[in-house]
């Protein structure tokens, strides 16, 4: 049985450790996207294709070692501190 779009997005969010608002903003320029989908929003075919493309591209980039971690302001600040400690 094929999983729904929302189930695929939820699995992607766990896999990527990406907050829902960051995913929505990066994939569709809509930080409320995941919350709206959880609330029953029905996406159109164009949006579904963009979301699937974003998730597939992210996975391909991760396999190639080209994915920079994404997150909200707190995690970006943490990464800056981490990167400063490595330098």
PDB file of N, CA and C in Angstrom:
ATOM      1  N   UNK A   1       0.837  -1.192   0.000  1.00  0.00           N
ATOM      2  CA  UNK A   1       0.000   0.000   0.000  1.00  0.00           C
ATOM      3  C   UNK A   1       0.880   1.253   0.000  1.00  0.00           C
ATOM      4  N   UNK A   2       0.547   2.164  -0.848  1.00  0.00           N
ATOM      5  CA  UNK A   2       1.343   3.383  -0.972  1.00  0.00           C
ATOM      6  C   UNK A   2       1.039   4.331   0.193  1.00  0.00           C
ATOM      7  N   UNK A   3       2.096   4.922   0.715  1.00  0.00           N
ATOM      8  CA  UNK A   3       1.923   5.869   1.814  1.00  0.00           C
ATOM      9  C   UNK A   3       1.437   7.207   1.266  1.00  0.00           C
ATOM     10  N   UNK A   4       0.719   7.931   2.097  1.00  0.00           N
ATOM     11  CA  UNK A   4       0.229   9.245   1.688  1.00  0.00           C
ATOM     12  C   UNK A   4       1.386  10.245   1.675  1.00  0.00           C
ATOM     13  N   UNK A   5       1.142  11.361   1.050  1.00  0.00           N
ATOM     14  CA  UNK A   5       2.156  12.419   1.000  1.00  0.00           C
ATOM     15  C   UNK A   5       2.558  12.842   2.409  1.00  0.00           C
ATOM     16  N   UNK A   6       1.594  13.017   3.276  1.00  0.00           N
ATOM     17  CA  UNK A   6       1.899  13.449   4.643  1.00  0.00           C
ATOM     18  C   UNK A   6       2.761  12.410   5.362  1.00  0.00           C
ATOM     19  N   UNK A   7       2.492  11.144   5.168  1.00  0.00           N
ATOM     20  CA  UNK A   7       3.314  10.107   5.787  1.00  0.00           C
ATOM     21  C   UNK A   7       4.737  10.142   5.249  1.00  0.00           C
ATOM     22  N   UNK A   8       4.886  10.376   3.970  1.00  0.00           N
ATOM     23  CA  UNK A   8       6.230  10.474   3.377  1.00  0.00           C
ATOM     24  C   UNK A   8       6.964  11.699   3.911  1.00  0.00           C
ATOM     25  N   UNK A   9       6.244  12.809   4.076  1.00  0.00           N
ATOM     26  CA  UNK A   9       6.871  14.014   4.624  1.00  0.00           C
ATOM     27  C   UNK A   9       7.278  13.783   6.073  1.00  0.00           C
ATOM     28  N   UNK A  10       6.407  13.165   6.868  1.00  0.00           N
ATOM     29  CA  UNK A  10       6.736  12.896   8.271  1.00  0.00           C
ATOM     30  C   UNK A  10       7.980  12.012   8.365  1.00  0.00           C
ATOM     31  N   UNK A  11       8.081  10.999   7.517  1.00  0.00           N
ATOM     32  CA  UNK A  11       9.264  10.137   7.511  1.00  0.00           C
ATOM     33  C   UNK A  11      10.508  10.935   7.117  1.00  0.00           C
ATOM     34  N   UNK A  12      10.354  11.839   6.142  1.00  0.00           N
ATOM     35  CA  UNK A  12      11.476  12.675   5.720  1.00  0.00           C
ATOM     36  C   UNK A  12      11.927  13.598   6.847  1.00  0.00           C
ATOM     37  N   UNK A  13      10.981  14.169   7.576  1.00  0.00           N
ATOM     38  CA  UNK A  13      11.331  15.065   8.675  1.00  0.00           C
ATOM     39  C   UNK A  13      12.131  14.327   9.743  1.00  0.00           C
ATOM     40  N   UNK A  14      11.760  13.093  10.022  1.00  0.00           N
ATOM     41  CA  UNK A  14      12.526  12.295  10.982  1.00  0.00           C
ATOM     42  C   UNK A  14      13.910  11.978  10.444  1.00  0.00           C
ATOM     43  N   UNK A  15      13.955  11.558   9.194  1.00  0.00           N
ATOM     44  CA  UNK A  15      15.224  11.180   8.559  1.00  0.00           C
ATOM     45  C   UNK A  15      16.190  12.355   8.509  1.00  0.00           C
ATOM     46  N   UNK A  16      15.681  13.528   8.189  1.00  0.00           N
ATOM     47  CA  UNK A  16      16.541  14.693   7.990  1.00  0.00           C
ATOM     48  C   UNK A  16      16.732  15.526   9.249  1.00  0.00           C
ATOM     49  N   UNK A  17      15.938  15.248  10.287  1.00  0.00           N
ATOM     50  CA  UNK A  17      15.951  16.053  11.519  1.00  0.00           C
ATOM     51  C   UNK A  17      15.677  17.526  11.202  1.00  0.00           C
ATOM     52  N   UNK A  18      14.826  17.744  10.221  1.00  0.00           N
ATOM     53  CA  UNK A  18      14.497  19.092   9.778  1.00  0.00           C
ATOM     54  C   UNK A  18      13.166  19.503  10.422  1.00  0.00           C
ATOM     55  N   UNK A  19      13.096  20.674  11.020  1.00  0.00           N
ATOM     56  CA  UNK A  19      11.822  21.140  11.559  1.00  0.00           C
ATOM     57  C   UNK A  19      10.790  21.336  10.447  1.00  0.00           C
ATOM     58  N   UNK A  20       9.518  21.119  10.751  1.00  0.00           N
ATOM     59  CA  UNK A  20       8.481  21.251   9.721  1.00  0.00           C
ATOM     60  C   UNK A  20       8.459  22.610   9.041  1.00  0.00           C
ATOM     61  N   UNK A  21       8.681  23.676   9.795  1.00  0.00           N
ATOM     62  CA  UNK A  21       8.640  25.014   9.189  1.00  0.00           C
ATOM     63  C   UNK A  21       9.799  25.216   8.216  1.00  0.00           C
ATOM     64  N   UNK A  22      10.952  24.656   8.530  1.00  0.00           N
ATOM     65  CA  UNK A  22      12.111  24.769   7.638  1.00  0.00           C
ATOM     66  C   UNK A  22      11.855  23.985   6.358  1.00  0.00           C
ATOM     67  N   UNK A  23      11.276  22.788   6.498  1.00  0.00           N
ATOM     68  CA  UNK A  23      10.931  21.991   5.323  1.00  0.00           C
ATOM     69  C   UNK A  23       9.964  22.750   4.427  1.00  0.00           C
ATOM     70  N   UNK A  24       8.900  23.274   5.008  1.00  0.00           N
ATOM     71  CA  UNK A  24       7.903  23.989   4.224  1.00  0.00           C
ATOM     72  C   UNK A  24       8.478  25.201   3.522  1.00  0.00           C
ATOM     73  N   UNK A  25       9.325  25.928   4.226  1.00  0.00           N
ATOM     74  CA  UNK A  25       9.927  27.130   3.636  1.00  0.00           C
ATOM     75  C   UNK A  25      10.887  26.750   2.509  1.00  0.00           C
ATOM     76  N   UNK A  26      11.701  25.719   2.726  1.00  0.00           N
ATOM     77  CA  UNK A  26      12.685  25.329   1.716  1.00  0.00           C
ATOM     78  C   UNK A  26      12.034  24.669   0.501  1.00  0.00           C
ATOM     79  N   UNK A  27      11.011  23.863   0.734  1.00  0.00           N
ATOM     80  CA  UNK A  27      10.415  23.103  -0.358  1.00  0.00           C
ATOM     81  C   UNK A  27       9.365  23.879  -1.126  1.00  0.00           C
ATOM     82  N   UNK A  28       8.616  24.758  -0.431  1.00  0.00           N
ATOM     83  CA  UNK A  28       7.481  25.408  -1.097  1.00  0.00           C
ATOM     84  C   UNK A  28       7.317  26.876  -0.714  1.00  0.00           C
ATOM     85  N   UNK A  29       8.287  27.443  -0.033  1.00  0.00           N
ATOM     86  CA  UNK A  29       8.210  28.846   0.413  1.00  0.00           C
ATOM     87  C   UNK A  29       6.981  29.089   1.284  1.00  0.00           C
ATOM     88  N   UNK A  30       6.617  28.073   2.093  1.00  0.00           N
ATOM     89  CA  UNK A  30       5.442  28.160   2.957  1.00  0.00           C
ATOM     90  C   UNK A  30       5.758  27.489   4.292  1.00  0.00           C
ATOM     91  N   UNK A  31       6.149  28.276   5.305  1.00  0.00           N
ATOM     92  CA  UNK A  31       6.520  27.671   6.584  1.00  0.00           C
ATOM     93  C   UNK A  31       5.365  26.968   7.294  1.00  0.00           C
ATOM     94  N   UNK A  32       4.133  27.255   6.917  1.00  0.00           N
ATOM     95  CA  UNK A  32       2.973  26.619   7.560  1.00  0.00           C
ATOM     96  C   UNK A  32       2.492  25.384   6.797  1.00  0.00           C
ATOM     97  N   UNK A  33       3.199  24.984   5.765  1.00  0.00           N
ATOM     98  CA  UNK A  33       2.764  23.903   4.892  1.00  0.00           C
ATOM     99  C   UNK A  33       2.480  22.606   5.649  1.00  0.00           C
ATOM    100  N   UNK A  34       3.424  22.126   6.447  1.00  0.00           N
ATOM    101  CA  UNK A  34       3.251  20.843   7.123  1.00  0.00           C
ATOM    102  C   UNK A  34       2.090  20.913   8.112  1.00  0.00           C
ATOM    103  N   UNK A  35       1.986  22.001   8.838  1.00  0.00           N
ATOM    104  CA  UNK A  35       0.863  22.161   9.755  1.00  0.00           C
ATOM    105  C   UNK A  35      -0.471  22.160   9.024  1.00  0.00           C
ATOM    106  N   UNK A  36      -0.502  22.815   7.882  1.00  0.00           N
ATOM    107  CA  UNK A  36      -1.731  22.831   7.080  1.00  0.00           C
ATOM    108  C   UNK A  36      -2.061  21.437   6.549  1.00  0.00           C
ATOM    109  N   UNK A  37      -1.044  20.691   6.112  1.00  0.00           N
ATOM    110  CA  UNK A  37      -1.279  19.334   5.631  1.00  0.00           C
ATOM    111  C   UNK A  37      -1.783  18.445   6.762  1.00  0.00           C
ATOM    112  N   UNK A  38      -1.202  18.619   7.943  1.00  0.00           N
ATOM    113  CA  UNK A  38      -1.668  17.859   9.103  1.00  0.00           C
ATOM    114  C   UNK A  38      -3.110  18.209   9.444  1.00  0.00           C
ATOM    115  N   UNK A  39      -3.499  19.432   9.143  1.00  0.00           N
ATOM    116  CA  UNK A  39      -4.860  19.894   9.416  1.00  0.00           C
ATOM    117  C   UNK A  39      -5.863  19.564   8.321  1.00  0.00           C
ATOM    118  N   UNK A  40      -5.413  18.902   7.256  1.00  0.00           N
ATOM    119  CA  UNK A  40      -6.345  18.471   6.224  1.00  0.00           C
ATOM    120  C   UNK A  40      -6.215  19.152   4.875  1.00  0.00           C
ATOM    121  N   UNK A  41      -5.238  20.033   4.704  1.00  0.00           N
ATOM    122  CA  UNK A  41      -5.054  20.695   3.411  1.00  0.00           C
ATOM    123  C   UNK A  41      -4.771  19.668   2.324  1.00  0.00           C
ATOM    124  N   UNK A  42      -5.409  19.822   1.200  1.00  0.00           N
ATOM    125  CA  UNK A  42      -5.207  18.942   0.052  1.00  0.00           C
ATOM    126  C   UNK A  42      -4.327  19.653  -0.971  1.00  0.00           C
ATOM    127  N   UNK A  43      -3.080  19.199  -1.141  1.00  0.00           N
ATOM    128  CA  UNK A  43      -2.174  19.864  -2.093  1.00  0.00           C
ATOM    129  C   UNK A  43      -2.514  19.497  -3.530  1.00  0.00           C
ATOM    130  N   UNK A  44      -2.201  20.404  -4.432  1.00  0.00           N
ATOM    131  CA  UNK A  44      -2.375  20.138  -5.855  1.00  0.00           C
ATOM    132  C   UNK A  44      -1.212  19.331  -6.399  1.00  0.00           C
ATOM    133  N   UNK A  45      -1.349  18.891  -7.619  1.00  0.00           N
ATOM    134  CA  UNK A  45      -0.330  18.059  -8.252  1.00  0.00           C
ATOM    135  C   UNK A  45       1.010  18.791  -8.364  1.00  0.00           C
ATOM    136  N   UNK A  46       0.982  20.074  -8.674  1.00  0.00           N
ATOM    137  CA  UNK A  46       2.213  20.861  -8.792  1.00  0.00           C
ATOM    138  C   UNK A  46       2.969  20.889  -7.463  1.00  0.00           C
ATOM    139  N   UNK A  47       2.251  21.124  -6.378  1.00  0.00           N
ATOM    140  CA  UNK A  47       2.880  21.168  -5.058  1.00  0.00           C
ATOM    141  C   UNK A  47       3.413  19.800  -4.673  1.00  0.00           C
ATOM    142  N   UNK A  48       2.668  18.758  -4.943  1.00  0.00           N
ATOM    143  CA  UNK A  48       3.129  17.407  -4.636  1.00  0.00           C
ATOM    144  C   UNK A  48       4.441  17.123  -5.362  1.00  0.00           C
ATOM    145  N   UNK A  49       4.513  17.493  -6.622  1.00  0.00           N
ATOM    146  CA  UNK A  49       5.732  17.278  -7.409  1.00  0.00           C
ATOM    147  C   UNK A  49       6.908  18.070  -6.834  1.00  0.00           C
ATOM    148  N   UNK A  50       6.676  19.313  -6.434  1.00  0.00           N
ATOM    149  CA  UNK A  50       7.757  20.117  -5.852  1.00  0.00           C
ATOM    150  C   UNK A  50       8.257  19.510  -4.547  1.00  0.00           C
ATOM    151  N   UNK A  51       7.332  19.030  -3.710  1.00  0.00           N
ATOM    152  CA  UNK A  51       7.725  18.445  -2.430  1.00  0.00           C
ATOM    153  C   UNK A  51       8.506  17.151  -2.638  1.00  0.00           C
ATOM    154  N   UNK A  52       8.022  16.299  -3.530  1.00  0.00           N
ATOM    155  CA  UNK A  52       8.724  15.047  -3.822  1.00  0.00           C
ATOM    156  C   UNK A  52      10.115  15.333  -4.392  1.00  0.00           C
ATOM    157  N   UNK A  53      10.198  16.309  -5.280  1.00  0.00           N
ATOM    158  CA  UNK A  53      11.491  16.678  -5.866  1.00  0.00           C
ATOM    159  C   UNK A  53      12.449  17.163  -4.780  1.00  0.00           C
ATOM    160  N   UNK A  54      11.967  18.008  -3.885  1.00  0.00           N
ATOM    161  CA  UNK A  54      12.811  18.522  -2.816  1.00  0.00           C
ATOM    162  C   UNK A  54      13.344  17.384  -1.953  1.00  0.00           C
ATOM    163  N   UNK A  55      12.470  16.443  -1.562  1.00  0.00           N
ATOM    164  CA  UNK A  55      12.908  15.335  -0.708  1.00  0.00           C
ATOM    165  C   UNK A  55      13.895  14.425  -1.443  1.00  0.00           C
ATOM    166  N   UNK A  56      13.618  14.134  -2.712  1.00  0.00           N
ATOM    167  CA  UNK A  56      14.523  13.282  -3.489  1.00  0.00           C
ATOM    168  C   UNK A  56      15.872  13.945  -3.708  1.00  0.00           C
ATOM    169  N   UNK A  57      15.870  15.242  -3.986  1.00  0.00           N
ATOM    170  CA  UNK A  57      17.119  15.973  -4.196  1.00  0.00           C
ATOM    171  C   UNK A  57      17.930  16.037  -2.903  1.00  0.00           C
ATOM    172  N   UNK A  58      17.254  16.253  -1.775  1.00  0.00           N
ATOM    173  CA  UNK A  58      17.941  16.310  -0.488  1.00  0.00           C
ATOM    174  C   UNK A  58      18.622  14.975  -0.206  1.00  0.00           C
ATOM    175  N   UNK A  59      17.917  13.885  -0.453  1.00  0.00           N
ATOM    176  CA  UNK A  59      18.490  12.555  -0.212  1.00  0.00           C
ATOM    177  C   UNK A  59      19.685  12.299  -1.138  1.00  0.00           C
ATOM    178  N   UNK A  60      19.560  12.681  -2.395  1.00  0.00           N
ATOM    179  CA  UNK A  60      20.665  12.496  -3.336  1.00  0.00           C
ATOM    180  C   UNK A  60      21.873  13.334  -2.917  1.00  0.00           C
ATOM    181  N   UNK A  61      21.637  14.564  -2.511  1.00  0.00           N
ATOM    182  CA  UNK A  61      22.735  15.424  -2.060  1.00  0.00           C
ATOM    183  C   UNK A  61      23.382  14.867  -0.797  1.00  0.00           C
ATOM    184  N   UNK A  62      22.574  14.297   0.090  1.00  0.00           N
ATOM    185  CA  UNK A  62      23.130  13.718   1.318  1.00  0.00           C
ATOM    186  C   UNK A  62      24.031  12.537   0.971  1.00  0.00           C
ATOM    187  N   UNK A  63      23.576  11.689   0.053  1.00  0.00           N
ATOM    188  CA  UNK A  63      24.402  10.546  -0.356  1.00  0.00           C
ATOM    189  C   UNK A  63      25.712  11.025  -0.982  1.00  0.00           C
ATOM    190  N   UNK A  64      25.669  12.148  -1.656  1.00  0.00           N
ATOM    191  CA  UNK A  64      26.872  12.687  -2.288  1.00  0.00           C
ATOM    192  C   UNK A  64      27.716  13.508  -1.306  1.00  0.00           C
ATOM    193  N   UNK A  65      27.238  13.671  -0.085  1.00  0.00           N
ATOM    194  CA  UNK A  65      27.981  14.420   0.922  1.00  0.00           C
ATOM    195  C   UNK A  65      27.884  15.917   0.763  1.00  0.00           C
ATOM    196  N   UNK A  66      26.826  16.398   0.125  1.00  0.00           N
ATOM    197  CA  UNK A  66      26.705  17.832  -0.146  1.00  0.00           C
ATOM    198  C   UNK A  66      25.629  18.523   0.663  1.00  0.00           C
ATOM    199  N   UNK A  67      25.041  17.844   1.649  1.00  0.00           N
ATOM    200  CA  UNK A  67      23.943  18.438   2.401  1.00  0.00           C
ATOM    201  C   UNK A  67      24.487  19.163   3.614  1.00  0.00           C
ATOM    202  N   UNK A  68      24.168  20.419   3.699  1.00  0.00           N
ATOM    203  CA  UNK A  68      24.465  21.180   4.904  1.00  0.00           C
ATOM    204  C   UNK A  68      23.255  21.063   5.812  1.00  0.00           C
ATOM    205  N   UNK A  69      23.445  20.829   7.100  1.00  0.00           N
ATOM    206  CA  UNK A  69      22.303  20.721   7.999  1.00  0.00           C
ATOM    207  C   UNK A  69      21.471  21.995   7.968  1.00  0.00           C
ATOM    208  N   UNK A  70      20.155  21.815   8.019  1.00  0.00           N
ATOM    209  CA  UNK A  70      19.258  22.957   8.071  1.00  0.00           C
ATOM    210  C   UNK A  70      18.529  22.922   9.394  1.00  0.00           C
ATOM    211  N   UNK A  71      18.009  24.039   9.786  1.00  0.00           N
ATOM    212  CA  UNK A  71      17.262  24.079  11.023  1.00  0.00           C
ATOM    213  C   UNK A  71      16.769  25.477  11.282  1.00  0.00           C
ATOM    214  N   UNK A  72      16.250  25.671  12.460  1.00  0.00           N
ATOM    215  CA  UNK A  72      15.774  26.998  12.808  1.00  0.00           C
ATOM    216  C   UNK A  72      16.933  27.829  13.364  1.00  0.00           C
ATOM    217  N   UNK A  73      16.644  29.017  13.839  1.00  0.00           N
ATOM    218  CA  UNK A  73      17.710  29.917  14.293  1.00  0.00           C
ATOM    219  C   UNK A  73      18.550  29.307  15.407  1.00  0.00           C
ATOM    220  N   UNK A  74      17.927  28.544  16.300  1.00  0.00           N
ATOM    221  CA  UNK A  74      18.687  27.959  17.410  1.00  0.00           C
ATOM    222  C   UNK A  74      19.720  26.976  16.888  1.00  0.00           C
ATOM    223  N   UNK A  75      19.340  26.126  15.939  1.00  0.00           N
ATOM    224  CA  UNK A  75      20.297  25.135  15.455  1.00  0.00           C
ATOM    225  C   UNK A  75      21.343  25.775  14.562  1.00  0.00           C
ATOM    226  N   UNK A  76      20.996  26.828  13.838  1.00  0.00           N
ATOM    227  CA  UNK A  76      22.013  27.519  13.031  1.00  0.00           C
ATOM    228  C   UNK A  76      23.047  28.159  13.935  1.00  0.00           C
ATOM    229  N   UNK A  77      22.620  28.760  15.040  1.00  0.00           N
ATOM    230  CA  UNK A  77      23.565  29.370  15.972  1.00  0.00           C
ATOM    231  C   UNK A  77      24.458  28.298  16.571  1.00  0.00           C
ATOM    232  N   UNK A  78      23.901  27.144  16.890  1.00  0.00           N
ATOM    233  CA  UNK A  78      24.680  26.046  17.433  1.00  0.00           C
ATOM    234  C   UNK A  78      25.734  25.589  16.432  1.00  0.00           C
ATOM    235  N   UNK A  79      25.349  25.490  15.150  1.00  0.00           N
ATOM    236  CA  UNK A  79      26.306  25.081  14.118  1.00  0.00           C
ATOM    237  C   UNK A  79      27.433  26.091  13.987  1.00  0.00           C
ATOM    238  N   UNK A  80      27.110  27.395  14.090  1.00  0.00           N
ATOM    239  CA  UNK A  80      28.175  28.404  13.988  1.00  0.00           C
ATOM    240  C   UNK A  80      29.169  28.224  15.122  1.00  0.00           C
ATOM    241  N   UNK A  81      28.679  27.942  16.303  1.00  0.00           N
ATOM    242  CA  UNK A  81      29.564  27.719  17.448  1.00  0.00           C
ATOM    243  C   UNK A  81      30.412  26.475  17.205  1.00  0.00           C
ATOM    244  N   UNK A  82      29.746  25.408  16.722  1.00  0.00           N
ATOM    245  CA  UNK A  82      30.453  24.154  16.429  1.00  0.00           C
ATOM    246  C   UNK A  82      31.522  24.362  15.371  1.00  0.00           C
ATOM    247  N   UNK A  83      31.183  25.069  14.303  1.00  0.00           N
ATOM    248  CA  UNK A  83      32.135  25.295  13.219  1.00  0.00           C
ATOM    249  C   UNK A  83      33.300  26.151  13.708  1.00  0.00           C
ATOM    250  N   UNK A  84      33.030  27.102  14.574  1.00  0.00           N
ATOM    251  CA  UNK A  84      34.099  27.918  15.126  1.00  0.00           C
ATOM    252  C   UNK A  84      35.051  27.101  15.980  1.00  0.00           C
ATOM    253  N   UNK A  85      34.526  26.110  16.681  1.00  0.00           N
ATOM    254  CA  UNK A  85      35.361  25.258  17.523  1.00  0.00           C
ATOM    255  C   UNK A  85      36.254  24.351  16.681  1.00  0.00           C
ATOM    256  N   UNK A  86      35.811  23.974  15.496  1.00  0.00           N
ATOM    257  CA  UNK A  86      36.589  23.100  14.618  1.00  0.00           C
ATOM    258  C   UNK A  86      37.714  23.857  13.916  1.00  0.00           C
ATOM    259  N   UNK A  87      37.510  25.148  13.686  1.00  0.00           N
ATOM    260  CA  UNK A  87      38.496  25.926  12.912  1.00  0.00           C
ATOM    261  C   UNK A  87      39.756  26.210  13.694  1.00  0.00           C
TER     262      UNK A  87
END
